[in-house]
Protein backbone atom coordinates (compact mmCIF):
# COMPACT_ATOMS: atom_id res chain seq x y z
CA UNK A 1 3.65 -14.41 -15.92
CA UNK A 2 0.58 -16.33 -16.86
CA UNK A 3 -2.97 -15.18 -16.86
CA UNK A 4 -5.52 -17.27 -14.63
CA UNK A 5 -9.21 -16.76 -14.12
CA UNK A 6 -11.14 -17.31 -10.96
CA UNK A 7 -14.41 -16.03 -9.19
CA UNK A 8 -14.35 -13.53 -6.74
CA UNK A 9 -15.54 -14.62 -3.29
CA UNK A 10 -17.46 -11.65 -2.67
CA UNK A 11 -19.36 -10.76 -6.11
CA UNK A 12 -18.84 -14.21 -7.79
CA UNK A 13 -17.81 -12.19 -11.00
CA UNK A 14 -15.09 -13.93 -12.97
CA UNK A 15 -11.71 -11.93 -12.74
CA UNK A 16 -8.16 -12.51 -14.05
CA UNK A 17 -4.86 -12.12 -12.67
CA UNK A 18 -1.28 -12.54 -13.77
CA UNK A 19 0.57 -14.94 -11.74
CA UNK A 20 4.29 -15.43 -11.62
CA UNK A 21 5.16 -19.27 -12.31
CA UNK A 22 8.78 -18.81 -11.47
CA UNK A 23 8.01 -18.77 -7.81
CA UNK A 24 6.69 -22.04 -6.47
CA UNK A 25 4.49 -20.80 -3.41
CA UNK A 26 3.06 -17.28 -3.33
CA UNK A 27 0.49 -15.20 -1.30
CA UNK A 28 -1.13 -12.18 -2.86
CA UNK A 29 -3.76 -9.80 -1.42
CA UNK A 30 -5.50 -7.89 -4.25
CA UNK A 31 -8.56 -6.02 -4.72
CA UNK A 32 -11.28 -7.41 -6.81
CA UNK A 33 -11.53 -5.43 -10.01
CA UNK A 34 -15.35 -5.39 -9.88
CA UNK A 35 -16.32 -4.97 -6.35
CA UNK A 36 -12.94 -3.68 -4.85
CA UNK A 37 -13.02 -6.14 -1.80
CA UNK A 38 -9.67 -7.66 -0.78
CA UNK A 39 -8.99 -11.17 -1.98
CA UNK A 40 -6.10 -13.43 -0.65
CA UNK A 41 -4.71 -15.62 -3.64
CA UNK A 42 -2.31 -18.34 -2.79
CA UNK A 43 -1.05 -20.02 -6.13
CA UNK A 44 1.32 -22.86 -5.91
CA UNK A 45 3.34 -24.10 -9.00
CA UNK A 46 4.97 -27.20 -9.86
CA UNK A 47 7.41 -27.38 -12.82
CA UNK A 48 6.01 -23.97 -13.84
CA UNK A 49 2.46 -25.18 -13.94
CA UNK A 50 -0.32 -24.16 -11.63
CA UNK A 51 -0.80 -27.10 -9.12
CA UNK A 52 -3.28 -25.37 -6.99
CA UNK A 53 -5.01 -21.90 -6.41
CA UNK A 54 -6.69 -20.93 -3.29
CA UNK A 55 -8.97 -17.92 -3.29
CA UNK A 56 -10.39 -16.44 -0.04
CA UNK A 57 -12.05 -13.37 1.20
CA UNK A 58 -10.36 -11.20 3.91
CA UNK A 59 -12.27 -10.92 7.18
CA UNK A 60 -12.98 -7.32 7.75
C-alpha cells in the first residue's frame, strides 16, 4: 500500500488515499474526508509504480 495525494473534484482540498500497487488496474469509490462527496478513483500501476491516476466526481 502506498499513500497518494490528490485534489477532491468537489471541494478542491488535497486529500490522501492508500492505494494497493500490487493490483494493476482498480476502481475505488470513496467519500472525500473533507466534504463527504463520493469520488471515483482509478489508479493504474505499471511495475508497482503509479502510471496514471484518474479522479472523477460521481454524478448525483
